[in-house]
Each structure stands twice: as C-alpha cells, then as structure tokens.
Amino acid sequence: MGEYQVLMTEKAETDMENIYNYIALEDLAPEAAMAQYDRIASQILTLSDMPARIRVMDAEPEHTLKVRKLSVDEYYILFQIRGNQVIILRVMHCRQDIEGKLFE
C-alpha cells in the first residue's frame, strides 16, 4: 500500500475557487470561506493514503466509472483512483446534481 499522487482537474480547481468566492462574496464571509476551503483541501490531501477506503458510488453511471464520493460538511469531493493517482474530478455542494456536474 503506497502513497498516491493526488491530482485535481481544472474543473475541480474552478469548483474550489467558486466555493470560496460564493461564501466570501455572496455571504460576505471571507473568513468562513477560507475555513471551508481549508477543510475541503485538507480532506483532499488525506486521499494520498488509502483512497480506496471511500467506496465507489452506487448510482450509475458513476458506479461503472468507479467514481467515489467523499463528504466534507455540505460538499462532495468526487474522485477516481487510476493506478497510483487519485484524480479529483469535481468538488460540489451536496444539493447540486452530481451527474449533471460530473459530465458537463
């Protein structure tokens, strides 16, 4: 069981920026925005060790694509394990449509 390299897609990076901006600008809470960003980022980093501890999603087509979902507060980190890499596909609010966001 080795260490995995964690990589983020451009969409996942944009998702993180959007989460920060929404909380900081819409809610007028920059400190809360940074705290939320840090909590999500911290959990993403934990995926470098034993990412398979997070089970594959049951829904299709996510199950067939072996997409996994890690919950952090009201957000989901969607990722795949590919060899010795963890690919962060999207970071999204729990009320968003997973399939719609994942494949847009």
PDB file of N, CA and C in Angstrom:
ATOM      1  N   MET A   1       0.842  -1.172   0.000  1.00  0.00           N
ATOM      2  CA  MET A   1       0.000   0.000   0.000  1.00  0.00           C
ATOM      3  C   MET A   1       0.888   1.237   0.000  1.00  0.00           C
ATOM      4  N   GLY A   2       1.050   1.847  -1.167  1.00  0.00           N
ATOM      5  CA  GLY A   2       1.902   3.020  -1.254  1.00  0.00           C
ATOM      6  C   GLY A   2       1.125   4.296  -1.167  1.00  0.00           C
ATOM      7  N   GLU A   3       1.869   5.364  -1.259  1.00  0.00           N
ATOM      8  CA  GLU A   3       1.236   6.680  -1.250  1.00  0.00           C
ATOM      9  C   GLU A   3       0.763   7.007  -2.659  1.00  0.00           C
ATOM     10  N   TYR A   4      -0.389   7.625  -2.754  1.00  0.00           N
ATOM     11  CA  TYR A   4      -0.976   8.006  -4.032  1.00  0.00           C
ATOM     12  C   TYR A   4      -0.704   9.473  -4.315  1.00  0.00           C
ATOM     13  N   GLN A   5      -0.530   9.794  -5.583  1.00  0.00           N
ATOM     14  CA  GLN A   5      -0.400  11.178  -6.014  1.00  0.00           C
ATOM     15  C   GLN A   5      -1.804  11.723  -6.229  1.00  0.00           C
ATOM     16  N   VAL A   6      -2.109  12.851  -5.615  1.00  0.00           N
ATOM     17  CA  VAL A   6      -3.432  13.462  -5.735  1.00  0.00           C
ATOM     18  C   VAL A   6      -3.351  14.593  -6.754  1.00  0.00           C
ATOM     19  N   LEU A   7      -4.170  14.490  -7.794  1.00  0.00           N
ATOM     20  CA  LEU A   7      -4.209  15.492  -8.855  1.00  0.00           C
ATOM     21  C   LEU A   7      -5.619  16.043  -8.980  1.00  0.00           C
ATOM     22  N   MET A   8      -5.713  17.326  -9.271  1.00  0.00           N
ATOM     23  CA  MET A   8      -7.027  17.955  -9.441  1.00  0.00           C
ATOM     24  C   MET A   8      -7.222  18.339 -10.898  1.00  0.00           C
ATOM     25  N   THR A   9      -8.414  18.071 -11.408  1.00  0.00           N
ATOM     26  CA  THR A   9      -8.751  18.531 -12.751  1.00  0.00           C
ATOM     27  C   THR A   9      -8.962  20.040 -12.704  1.00  0.00           C
ATOM     28  N   GLU A  10      -8.951  20.666 -13.877  1.00  0.00           N
ATOM     29  CA  GLU A  10      -9.227  22.103 -13.939  1.00  0.00           C
ATOM     30  C   GLU A  10     -10.616  22.415 -13.396  1.00  0.00           C
ATOM     31  N   LYS A  11     -11.578  21.535 -13.689  1.00  0.00           N
ATOM     32  CA  LYS A  11     -12.941  21.760 -13.190  1.00  0.00           C
ATOM     33  C   LYS A  11     -12.974  21.732 -11.668  1.00  0.00           C
ATOM     34  N   ALA A  12     -12.231  20.816 -11.054  1.00  0.00           N
ATOM     35  CA  ALA A  12     -12.195  20.736  -9.590  1.00  0.00           C
ATOM     36  C   ALA A  12     -11.538  21.990  -9.002  1.00  0.00           C
ATOM     37  N   GLU A  13     -10.484  22.462  -9.638  1.00  0.00           N
ATOM     38  CA  GLU A  13      -9.842  23.689  -9.165  1.00  0.00           C
ATOM     39  C   GLU A  13     -10.806  24.869  -9.269  1.00  0.00           C
ATOM     40  N   THR A  14     -11.522  24.947 -10.379  1.00  0.00           N
ATOM     41  CA  THR A  14     -12.518  26.006 -10.555  1.00  0.00           C
ATOM     42  C   THR A  14     -13.629  25.879  -9.515  1.00  0.00           C
ATOM     43  N   ASP A  15     -14.046  24.639  -9.238  1.00  0.00           N
ATOM     44  CA  ASP A  15     -15.068  24.413  -8.209  1.00  0.00           C
ATOM     45  C   ASP A  15     -14.614  24.985  -6.868  1.00  0.00           C
ATOM     46  N   MET A  16     -13.357  24.732  -6.500  1.00  0.00           N
ATOM     47  CA  MET A  16     -12.841  25.226  -5.221  1.00  0.00           C
ATOM     48  C   MET A  16     -12.840  26.758  -5.198  1.00  0.00           C
ATOM     49  N   GLU A  17     -12.433  27.380  -6.287  1.00  0.00           N
ATOM     50  CA  GLU A  17     -12.455  28.841  -6.372  1.00  0.00           C
ATOM     51  C   GLU A  17     -13.880  29.363  -6.250  1.00  0.00           C
ATOM     52  N   ASN A  18     -14.806  28.691  -6.922  1.00  0.00           N
ATOM     53  CA  ASN A  18     -16.212  29.126  -6.879  1.00  0.00           C
ATOM     54  C   ASN A  18     -16.813  28.989  -5.490  1.00  0.00           C
ATOM     55  N   ILE A  19     -16.457  27.926  -4.791  1.00  0.00           N
ATOM     56  CA  ILE A  19     -16.945  27.745  -3.416  1.00  0.00           C
ATOM     57  C   ILE A  19     -16.451  28.888  -2.539  1.00  0.00           C
ATOM     58  N   TYR A  20     -15.156  29.177  -2.635  1.00  0.00           N
ATOM     59  CA  TYR A  20     -14.601  30.278  -1.849  1.00  0.00           C
ATOM     60  C   TYR A  20     -15.300  31.597  -2.195  1.00  0.00           C
ATOM     61  N   ASN A  21     -15.390  31.885  -3.493  1.00  0.00           N
ATOM     62  CA  ASN A  21     -15.979  33.157  -3.921  1.00  0.00           C
ATOM     63  C   ASN A  21     -17.433  33.293  -3.502  1.00  0.00           C
ATOM     64  N   TYR A  22     -18.196  32.215  -3.600  1.00  0.00           N
ATOM     65  CA  TYR A  22     -19.604  32.279  -3.219  1.00  0.00           C
ATOM     66  C   TYR A  22     -19.741  32.630  -1.739  1.00  0.00           C
ATOM     67  N   ILE A  23     -18.998  31.920  -0.903  1.00  0.00           N
ATOM     68  CA  ILE A  23     -19.117  32.171   0.542  1.00  0.00           C
ATOM     69  C   ILE A  23     -18.569  33.551   0.889  1.00  0.00           C
ATOM     70  N   ALA A  24     -17.435  33.912   0.304  1.00  0.00           N
ATOM     71  CA  ALA A  24     -16.796  35.191   0.636  1.00  0.00           C
ATOM     72  C   ALA A  24     -17.588  36.380   0.120  1.00  0.00           C
ATOM     73  N   LEU A  25     -18.100  36.278  -1.109  1.00  0.00           N
ATOM     74  CA  LEU A  25     -18.743  37.434  -1.725  1.00  0.00           C
ATOM     75  C   LEU A  25     -20.251  37.463  -1.550  1.00  0.00           C
ATOM     76  N   GLU A  26     -20.902  36.325  -1.745  1.00  0.00           N
ATOM     77  CA  GLU A  26     -22.364  36.281  -1.619  1.00  0.00           C
ATOM     78  C   GLU A  26     -22.807  36.317  -0.160  1.00  0.00           C
ATOM     79  N   ASP A  27     -22.088  35.560   0.670  1.00  0.00           N
ATOM     80  CA  ASP A  27     -22.432  35.532   2.091  1.00  0.00           C
ATOM     81  C   ASP A  27     -21.678  36.594   2.892  1.00  0.00           C
ATOM     82  N   LEU A  28     -20.785  37.304   2.220  1.00  0.00           N
ATOM     83  CA  LEU A  28     -19.957  38.336   2.863  1.00  0.00           C
ATOM     84  C   LEU A  28     -19.208  37.786   4.079  1.00  0.00           C
ATOM     85  N   ALA A  29     -18.611  36.600   3.889  1.00  0.00           N
ATOM     86  CA  ALA A  29     -17.920  35.947   4.994  1.00  0.00           C
ATOM     87  C   ALA A  29     -16.581  35.368   4.535  1.00  0.00           C
ATOM     88  N   PRO A  30     -15.591  36.234   4.286  1.00  0.00           N
ATOM     89  CA  PRO A  30     -14.312  35.734   3.781  1.00  0.00           C
ATOM     90  C   PRO A  30     -13.592  34.774   4.734  1.00  0.00           C
ATOM     91  N   GLU A  31     -13.735  34.977   6.038  1.00  0.00           N
ATOM     92  CA  GLU A  31     -13.085  34.073   6.983  1.00  0.00           C
ATOM     93  C   GLU A  31     -13.729  32.684   6.928  1.00  0.00           C
ATOM     94  N   ALA A  32     -15.049  32.664   6.842  1.00  0.00           N
ATOM     95  CA  ALA A  32     -15.756  31.388   6.731  1.00  0.00           C
ATOM     96  C   ALA A  32     -15.419  30.711   5.408  1.00  0.00           C
ATOM     97  N   ALA A  33     -15.264  31.509   4.359  1.00  0.00           N
ATOM     98  CA  ALA A  33     -14.912  30.963   3.044  1.00  0.00           C
ATOM     99  C   ALA A  33     -13.549  30.276   3.095  1.00  0.00           C
ATOM    100  N   MET A  34     -12.580  30.931   3.729  1.00  0.00           N
ATOM    101  CA  MET A  34     -11.244  30.337   3.819  1.00  0.00           C
ATOM    102  C   MET A  34     -11.260  29.097   4.698  1.00  0.00           C
ATOM    103  N   ALA A  35     -12.028  29.120   5.761  1.00  0.00           N
ATOM    104  CA  ALA A  35     -12.116  27.949   6.637  1.00  0.00           C
ATOM    105  C   ALA A  35     -12.729  26.766   5.894  1.00  0.00           C
ATOM    106  N   GLN A  36     -13.789  27.018   5.111  1.00  0.00           N
ATOM    107  CA  GLN A  36     -14.407  25.940   4.337  1.00  0.00           C
ATOM    108  C   GLN A  36     -13.451  25.417   3.284  1.00  0.00           C
ATOM    109  N   TYR A  37     -12.779  26.302   2.591  1.00  0.00           N
ATOM    110  CA  TYR A  37     -11.793  25.931   1.577  1.00  0.00           C
ATOM    111  C   TYR A  37     -10.718  25.042   2.208  1.00  0.00           C
ATOM    112  N   ASP A  38     -10.225  25.459   3.361  1.00  0.00           N
ATOM    113  CA  ASP A  38      -9.178  24.693   4.044  1.00  0.00           C
ATOM    114  C   ASP A  38      -9.660  23.311   4.475  1.00  0.00           C
ATOM    115  N   ARG A  39     -10.902  23.208   4.950  1.00  0.00           N
ATOM    116  CA  ARG A  39     -11.435  21.901   5.358  1.00  0.00           C
ATOM    117  C   ARG A  39     -11.532  20.957   4.164  1.00  0.00           C
ATOM    118  N   ILE A  40     -11.998  21.473   3.036  1.00  0.00           N
ATOM    119  CA  ILE A  40     -12.097  20.638   1.835  1.00  0.00           C
ATOM    120  C   ILE A  40     -10.704  20.238   1.361  1.00  0.00           C
ATOM    121  N   ALA A  41      -9.798  21.205   1.276  1.00  0.00           N
ATOM    122  CA  ALA A  41      -8.435  20.928   0.810  1.00  0.00           C
ATOM    123  C   ALA A  41      -7.745  19.905   1.709  1.00  0.00           C
ATOM    124  N   SER A  42      -7.954  20.022   3.009  1.00  0.00           N
ATOM    125  CA  SER A  42      -7.364  19.080   3.959  1.00  0.00           C
ATOM    126  C   SER A  42      -7.853  17.657   3.708  1.00  0.00           C
ATOM    127  N   GLN A  43      -9.141  17.512   3.447  1.00  0.00           N
ATOM    128  CA  GLN A  43      -9.697  16.184   3.176  1.00  0.00           C
ATOM    129  C   GLN A  43      -9.212  15.638   1.835  1.00  0.00           C
ATOM    130  N   ILE A  44      -9.035  16.507   0.854  1.00  0.00           N
ATOM    131  CA  ILE A  44      -8.474  16.067  -0.424  1.00  0.00           C
ATOM    132  C   ILE A  44      -7.085  15.478  -0.206  1.00  0.00           C
ATOM    133  N   LEU A  45      -6.279  16.131   0.615  1.00  0.00           N
ATOM    134  CA  LEU A  45      -4.922  15.643   0.873  1.00  0.00           C
ATOM    135  C   LEU A  45      -4.910  14.283   1.565  1.00  0.00           C
ATOM    136  N   THR A  46      -5.940  13.969   2.345  1.00  0.00           N
ATOM    137  CA  THR A  46      -5.978  12.663   3.015  1.00  0.00           C
ATOM    138  C   THR A  46      -6.112  11.523   2.017  1.00  0.00           C
ATOM    139  N   LEU A  47      -6.530  11.844   0.795  1.00  0.00           N
ATOM    140  CA  LEU A  47      -6.726  10.801  -0.223  1.00  0.00           C
ATOM    141  C   LEU A  47      -5.410  10.247  -0.751  1.00  0.00           C
ATOM    142  N   SER A  48      -4.291  10.834  -0.348  1.00  0.00           N
ATOM    143  CA  SER A  48      -2.994  10.289  -0.755  1.00  0.00           C
ATOM    144  C   SER A  48      -2.699   8.972  -0.041  1.00  0.00           C
ATOM    145  N   ASP A  49      -3.430   8.695   1.013  1.00  0.00           N
ATOM    146  CA  ASP A  49      -3.239   7.459   1.790  1.00  0.00           C
ATOM    147  C   ASP A  49      -4.563   6.695   1.841  1.00  0.00           C
ATOM    148  N   MET A  50      -4.563   5.510   1.309  1.00  0.00           N
ATOM    149  CA  MET A  50      -5.720   4.609   1.318  1.00  0.00           C
ATOM    150  C   MET A  50      -6.998   5.234   0.732  1.00  0.00           C
ATOM    151  N   PRO A  51      -6.952   5.753  -0.476  1.00  0.00           N
ATOM    152  CA  PRO A  51      -8.160   6.359  -1.049  1.00  0.00           C
ATOM    153  C   PRO A  51      -9.284   5.359  -1.272  1.00  0.00           C
ATOM    154  N   ALA A  52      -8.947   4.081  -1.370  1.00  0.00           N
ATOM    155  CA  ALA A  52      -9.978   3.058  -1.592  1.00  0.00           C
ATOM    156  C   ALA A  52     -10.850   2.847  -0.355  1.00  0.00           C
ATOM    157  N   ARG A  53     -10.522   3.509   0.754  1.00  0.00           N
ATOM    158  CA  ARG A  53     -11.385   3.431   1.944  1.00  0.00           C
ATOM    159  C   ARG A  53     -12.740   4.075   1.670  1.00  0.00           C
ATOM    160  N   ILE A  54     -12.780   4.941   0.660  1.00  0.00           N
ATOM    161  CA  ILE A  54     -14.029   5.568   0.242  1.00  0.00           C
ATOM    162  C   ILE A  54     -14.622   4.692  -0.855  1.00  0.00           C
ATOM    163  N   ARG A  55     -15.820   4.218  -0.647  1.00  0.00           N
ATOM    164  CA  ARG A  55     -16.410   3.260  -1.594  1.00  0.00           C
ATOM    165  C   ARG A  55     -16.878   3.922  -2.886  1.00  0.00           C
ATOM    166  N   VAL A  56     -16.961   3.099  -3.906  1.00  0.00           N
ATOM    167  CA  VAL A  56     -17.465   3.536  -5.208  1.00  0.00           C
ATOM    168  C   VAL A  56     -18.952   3.844  -5.056  1.00  0.00           C
ATOM    169  N   MET A  57     -19.409   4.878  -5.724  1.00  0.00           N
ATOM    170  CA  MET A  57     -20.816   5.274  -5.650  1.00  0.00           C
ATOM    171  C   MET A  57     -21.710   4.174  -6.217  1.00  0.00           C
ATOM    172  N   ASP A  58     -22.923   4.054  -5.706  1.00  0.00           N
ATOM    173  CA  ASP A  58     -23.871   3.040  -6.162  1.00  0.00           C
ATOM    174  C   ASP A  58     -24.589   3.439  -7.447  1.00  0.00           C
ATOM    175  N   ALA A  59     -24.833   4.734  -7.628  1.00  0.00           N
ATOM    176  CA  ALA A  59     -25.604   5.212  -8.781  1.00  0.00           C
ATOM    177  C   ALA A  59     -24.836   5.008 -10.080  1.00  0.00           C
ATOM    178  N   GLU A  60     -25.587   4.860 -11.142  1.00  0.00           N
ATOM    179  CA  GLU A  60     -24.990   4.778 -12.480  1.00  0.00           C
ATOM    180  C   GLU A  60     -25.142   6.131 -13.166  1.00  0.00           C
ATOM    181  N   PRO A  61     -24.203   6.521 -13.989  1.00  0.00           N
ATOM    182  CA  PRO A  61     -23.034   5.787 -14.474  1.00  0.00           C
ATOM    183  C   PRO A  61     -21.806   5.897 -13.578  1.00  0.00           C
ATOM    184  N   GLU A  62     -21.926   6.572 -12.426  1.00  0.00           N
ATOM    185  CA  GLU A  62     -20.788   6.763 -11.537  1.00  0.00           C
ATOM    186  C   GLU A  62     -20.172   5.436 -11.092  1.00  0.00           C
ATOM    187  N   HIS A  63     -21.028   4.439 -10.815  1.00  0.00           N
ATOM    188  CA  HIS A  63     -20.527   3.148 -10.355  1.00  0.00           C
ATOM    189  C   HIS A  63     -19.645   2.493 -11.429  1.00  0.00           C
ATOM    190  N   THR A  64     -20.124   2.476 -12.654  1.00  0.00           N
ATOM    191  CA  THR A  64     -19.361   1.879 -13.746  1.00  0.00           C
ATOM    192  C   THR A  64     -18.039   2.612 -13.958  1.00  0.00           C
ATOM    193  N   LEU A  65     -18.047   3.925 -13.766  1.00  0.00           N
ATOM    194  CA  LEU A  65     -16.838   4.731 -13.941  1.00  0.00           C
ATOM    195  C   LEU A  65     -15.951   4.740 -12.700  1.00  0.00           C
ATOM    196  N   LYS A  66     -16.391   4.027 -11.662  1.00  0.00           N
ATOM    197  CA  LYS A  66     -15.650   3.919 -10.398  1.00  0.00           C
ATOM    198  C   LYS A  66     -15.384   5.279  -9.742  1.00  0.00           C
ATOM    199  N   VAL A  67     -16.415   6.115  -9.770  1.00  0.00           N
ATOM    200  CA  VAL A  67     -16.338   7.420  -9.120  1.00  0.00           C
ATOM    201  C   VAL A  67     -16.649   7.224  -7.642  1.00  0.00           C
ATOM    202  N   ARG A  68     -15.851   7.840  -6.818  1.00  0.00           N
ATOM    203  CA  ARG A  68     -16.030   7.787  -5.361  1.00  0.00           C
ATOM    204  C   ARG A  68     -16.423   9.168  -4.861  1.00  0.00           C
ATOM    205  N   LYS A  69     -17.107   9.208  -3.713  1.00  0.00           N
ATOM    206  CA  LYS A  69     -17.624  10.474  -3.180  1.00  0.00           C
ATOM    207  C   LYS A  69     -17.246  10.587  -1.709  1.00  0.00           C
ATOM    208  N   LEU A  70     -16.458  11.607  -1.401  1.00  0.00           N
ATOM    209  CA  LEU A  70     -16.078  11.902  -0.027  1.00  0.00           C
ATOM    210  C   LEU A  70     -16.851  13.146   0.409  1.00  0.00           C
ATOM    211  N   SER A  71     -17.557  13.051   1.525  1.00  0.00           N
ATOM    212  CA  SER A  71     -18.347  14.175   2.039  1.00  0.00           C
ATOM    213  C   SER A  71     -17.525  15.005   3.010  1.00  0.00           C
ATOM    214  N   VAL A  72     -17.624  16.315   2.837  1.00  0.00           N
ATOM    215  CA  VAL A  72     -16.987  17.270   3.748  1.00  0.00           C
ATOM    216  C   VAL A  72     -18.006  18.365   4.004  1.00  0.00           C
ATOM    217  N   ASP A  73     -18.527  18.414   5.208  1.00  0.00           N
ATOM    218  CA  ASP A  73     -19.582  19.364   5.540  1.00  0.00           C
ATOM    219  C   ASP A  73     -20.720  19.198   4.528  1.00  0.00           C
ATOM    220  N   GLU A  74     -21.061  20.241   3.788  1.00  0.00           N
ATOM    221  CA  GLU A  74     -22.145  20.164   2.805  1.00  0.00           C
ATOM    222  C   GLU A  74     -21.610  20.000   1.379  1.00  0.00           C
ATOM    223  N   TYR A  75     -20.390  19.511   1.251  1.00  0.00           N
ATOM    224  CA  TYR A  75     -19.755  19.389  -0.060  1.00  0.00           C
ATOM    225  C   TYR A  75     -19.323  17.954  -0.325  1.00  0.00           C
ATOM    226  N   TYR A  76     -19.267  17.614  -1.602  1.00  0.00           N
ATOM    227  CA  TYR A  76     -18.794  16.308  -2.042  1.00  0.00           C
ATOM    228  C   TYR A  76     -17.516  16.492  -2.852  1.00  0.00           C
ATOM    229  N   ILE A  77     -16.559  15.638  -2.597  1.00  0.00           N
ATOM    230  CA  ILE A  77     -15.355  15.539  -3.416  1.00  0.00           C
ATOM    231  C   ILE A  77     -15.539  14.281  -4.251  1.00  0.00           C
ATOM    232  N   LEU A  78     -15.620  14.433  -5.556  1.00  0.00           N
ATOM    233  CA  LEU A  78     -15.795  13.296  -6.462  1.00  0.00           C
ATOM    234  C   LEU A  78     -14.447  12.965  -7.077  1.00  0.00           C
ATOM    235  N   PHE A  79     -14.057  11.696  -6.996  1.00  0.00           N
ATOM    236  CA  PHE A  79     -12.730  11.326  -7.482  1.00  0.00           C
ATOM    237  C   PHE A  79     -12.694   9.898  -8.004  1.00  0.00           C
ATOM    238  N   GLN A  80     -11.633   9.614  -8.751  1.00  0.00           N
ATOM    239  CA  GLN A  80     -11.355   8.269  -9.241  1.00  0.00           C
ATOM    240  C   GLN A  80      -9.930   7.906  -8.844  1.00  0.00           C
ATOM    241  N   ILE A  81      -9.709   6.609  -8.674  1.00  0.00           N
ATOM    242  CA  ILE A  81      -8.363   6.092  -8.458  1.00  0.00           C
ATOM    243  C   ILE A  81      -7.915   5.503  -9.787  1.00  0.00           C
ATOM    244  N   ARG A  82      -6.786   5.996 -10.281  1.00  0.00           N
ATOM    245  CA  ARG A  82      -6.226   5.498 -11.541  1.00  0.00           C
ATOM    246  C   ARG A  82      -4.767   5.130 -11.292  1.00  0.00           C
ATOM    247  N   GLY A  83      -4.525   3.829 -11.150  1.00  0.00           N
ATOM    248  CA  GLY A  83      -3.164   3.389 -10.830  1.00  0.00           C
ATOM    249  C   GLY A  83      -2.760   3.924  -9.475  1.00  0.00           C
ATOM    250  N   ASN A  84      -1.639   4.670  -9.440  1.00  0.00           N
ATOM    251  CA  ASN A  84      -1.191   5.243  -8.164  1.00  0.00           C
ATOM    252  C   ASN A  84      -1.566   6.724  -8.046  1.00  0.00           C
ATOM    253  N   GLN A  85      -2.588   7.124  -8.818  1.00  0.00           N
ATOM    254  CA  GLN A  85      -3.050   8.507  -8.769  1.00  0.00           C
ATOM    255  C   GLN A  85      -4.513   8.582  -8.325  1.00  0.00           C
ATOM    256  N   VAL A  86      -4.809   9.633  -7.595  1.00  0.00           N
ATOM    257  CA  VAL A  86      -6.184   9.977  -7.239  1.00  0.00           C
ATOM    258  C   VAL A  86      -6.506  11.229  -8.038  1.00  0.00           C
ATOM    259  N   ILE A  87      -7.521  11.141  -8.876  1.00  0.00           N
ATOM    260  CA  ILE A  87      -7.908  12.263  -9.720  1.00  0.00           C
ATOM    261  C   ILE A  87      -9.170  12.898  -9.133  1.00  0.00           C
ATOM    262  N   ILE A  88      -9.050  14.135  -8.680  1.00  0.00           N
ATOM    263  CA  ILE A  88     -10.200  14.858  -8.155  1.00  0.00           C
ATOM    264  C   ILE A  88     -10.953  15.421  -9.360  1.00  0.00           C
ATOM    265  N   LEU A  89     -12.164  14.915  -9.566  1.00  0.00           N
ATOM    266  CA  LEU A  89     -12.955  15.286 -10.734  1.00  0.00           C
ATOM    267  C   LEU A  89     -13.738  16.568 -10.518  1.00  0.00           C
ATOM    268  N   ARG A  90     -14.438  16.647  -9.395  1.00  0.00           N
ATOM    269  CA  ARG A  90     -15.277  17.808  -9.082  1.00  0.00           C
ATOM    270  C   ARG A  90     -15.358  17.963  -7.569  1.00  0.00           C
ATOM    271  N   VAL A  91     -15.636  19.176  -7.133  1.00  0.00           N
ATOM    272  CA  VAL A  91     -15.969  19.479  -5.742  1.00  0.00           C
ATOM    273  C   VAL A  91     -17.260  20.272  -5.821  1.00  0.00           C
ATOM    274  N   MET A  92     -18.307  19.770  -5.171  1.00  0.00           N
ATOM    275  CA  MET A  92     -19.615  20.374  -5.374  1.00  0.00           C
ATOM    276  C   MET A  92     -20.462  20.361  -4.107  1.00  0.00           C
ATOM    277  N   HIS A  93     -21.415  21.262  -4.062  1.00  0.00           N
ATOM    278  CA  HIS A  93     -22.350  21.318  -2.944  1.00  0.00           C
ATOM    279  C   HIS A  93     -23.268  20.098  -3.022  1.00  0.00           C
ATOM    280  N   CYS A  94     -23.675  19.606  -1.884  1.00  0.00           N
ATOM    281  CA  CYS A  94     -24.489  18.386  -1.832  1.00  0.00           C
ATOM    282  C   CYS A  94     -25.850  18.541  -2.510  1.00  0.00           C
ATOM    283  N   ARG A  95     -26.318  19.749  -2.709  1.00  0.00           N
ATOM    284  CA  ARG A  95     -27.615  19.952  -3.362  1.00  0.00           C
ATOM    285  C   ARG A  95     -27.520  20.019  -4.886  1.00  0.00           C
ATOM    286  N   GLN A  96     -26.300  20.009  -5.392  1.00  0.00           N
ATOM    287  CA  GLN A  96     -26.132  20.058  -6.839  1.00  0.00           C
ATOM    288  C   GLN A  96     -26.342  18.673  -7.435  1.00  0.00           C
ATOM    289  N   ASP A  97     -26.691  18.641  -8.705  1.00  0.00           N
ATOM    290  CA  ASP A  97     -26.905  17.405  -9.443  1.00  0.00           C
ATOM    291  C   ASP A  97     -25.549  16.795  -9.790  1.00  0.00           C
ATOM    292  N   ILE A  98     -25.209  15.678  -9.153  1.00  0.00           N
ATOM    293  CA  ILE A  98     -23.898  15.067  -9.346  1.00  0.00           C
ATOM    294  C   ILE A  98     -23.665  14.712 -10.805  1.00  0.00           C
ATOM    295  N   GLU A  99     -24.593  13.971 -11.387  1.00  0.00           N
ATOM    296  CA  GLU A  99     -24.398  13.529 -12.775  1.00  0.00           C
ATOM    297  C   GLU A  99     -24.296  14.723 -13.716  1.00  0.00           C
ATOM    298  N   GLY A 100     -25.136  15.701 -13.496  1.00  0.00           N
ATOM    299  CA  GLY A 100     -25.100  16.878 -14.353  1.00  0.00           C
ATOM    300  C   GLY A 100     -23.770  17.613 -14.261  1.00  0.00           C
ATOM    301  N   LYS A 101     -23.254  17.798 -13.052  1.00  0.00           N
ATOM    302  CA  LYS A 101     -21.973  18.496 -12.848  1.00  0.00           C
ATOM    303  C   LYS A 101     -20.799  17.650 -13.312  1.00  0.00           C
ATOM    304  N   LEU A 102     -20.877  16.362 -13.055  1.00  0.00           N
ATOM    305  CA  LEU A 102     -19.756  15.489 -13.362  1.00  0.00           C
ATOM    306  C   LEU A 102     -19.483  15.425 -14.859  1.00  0.00           C
ATOM    307  N   PHE A 103     -20.545  15.468 -15.651  1.00  0.00           N
ATOM    308  CA  PHE A 103     -20.389  15.276 -17.093  1.00  0.00           C
ATOM    309  C   PHE A 103     -20.600  16.537 -17.912  1.00  0.00           C
ATOM    310  N   GLU A 104     -20.596  17.705 -17.259  1.00  0.00           N
ATOM    311  CA  GLU A 104     -20.759  18.947 -18.040  1.00  0.00           C
ATOM    312  C   GLU A 104     -19.444  19.368 -18.650  1.00  0.00           C
TER     313      GLU A 104
END
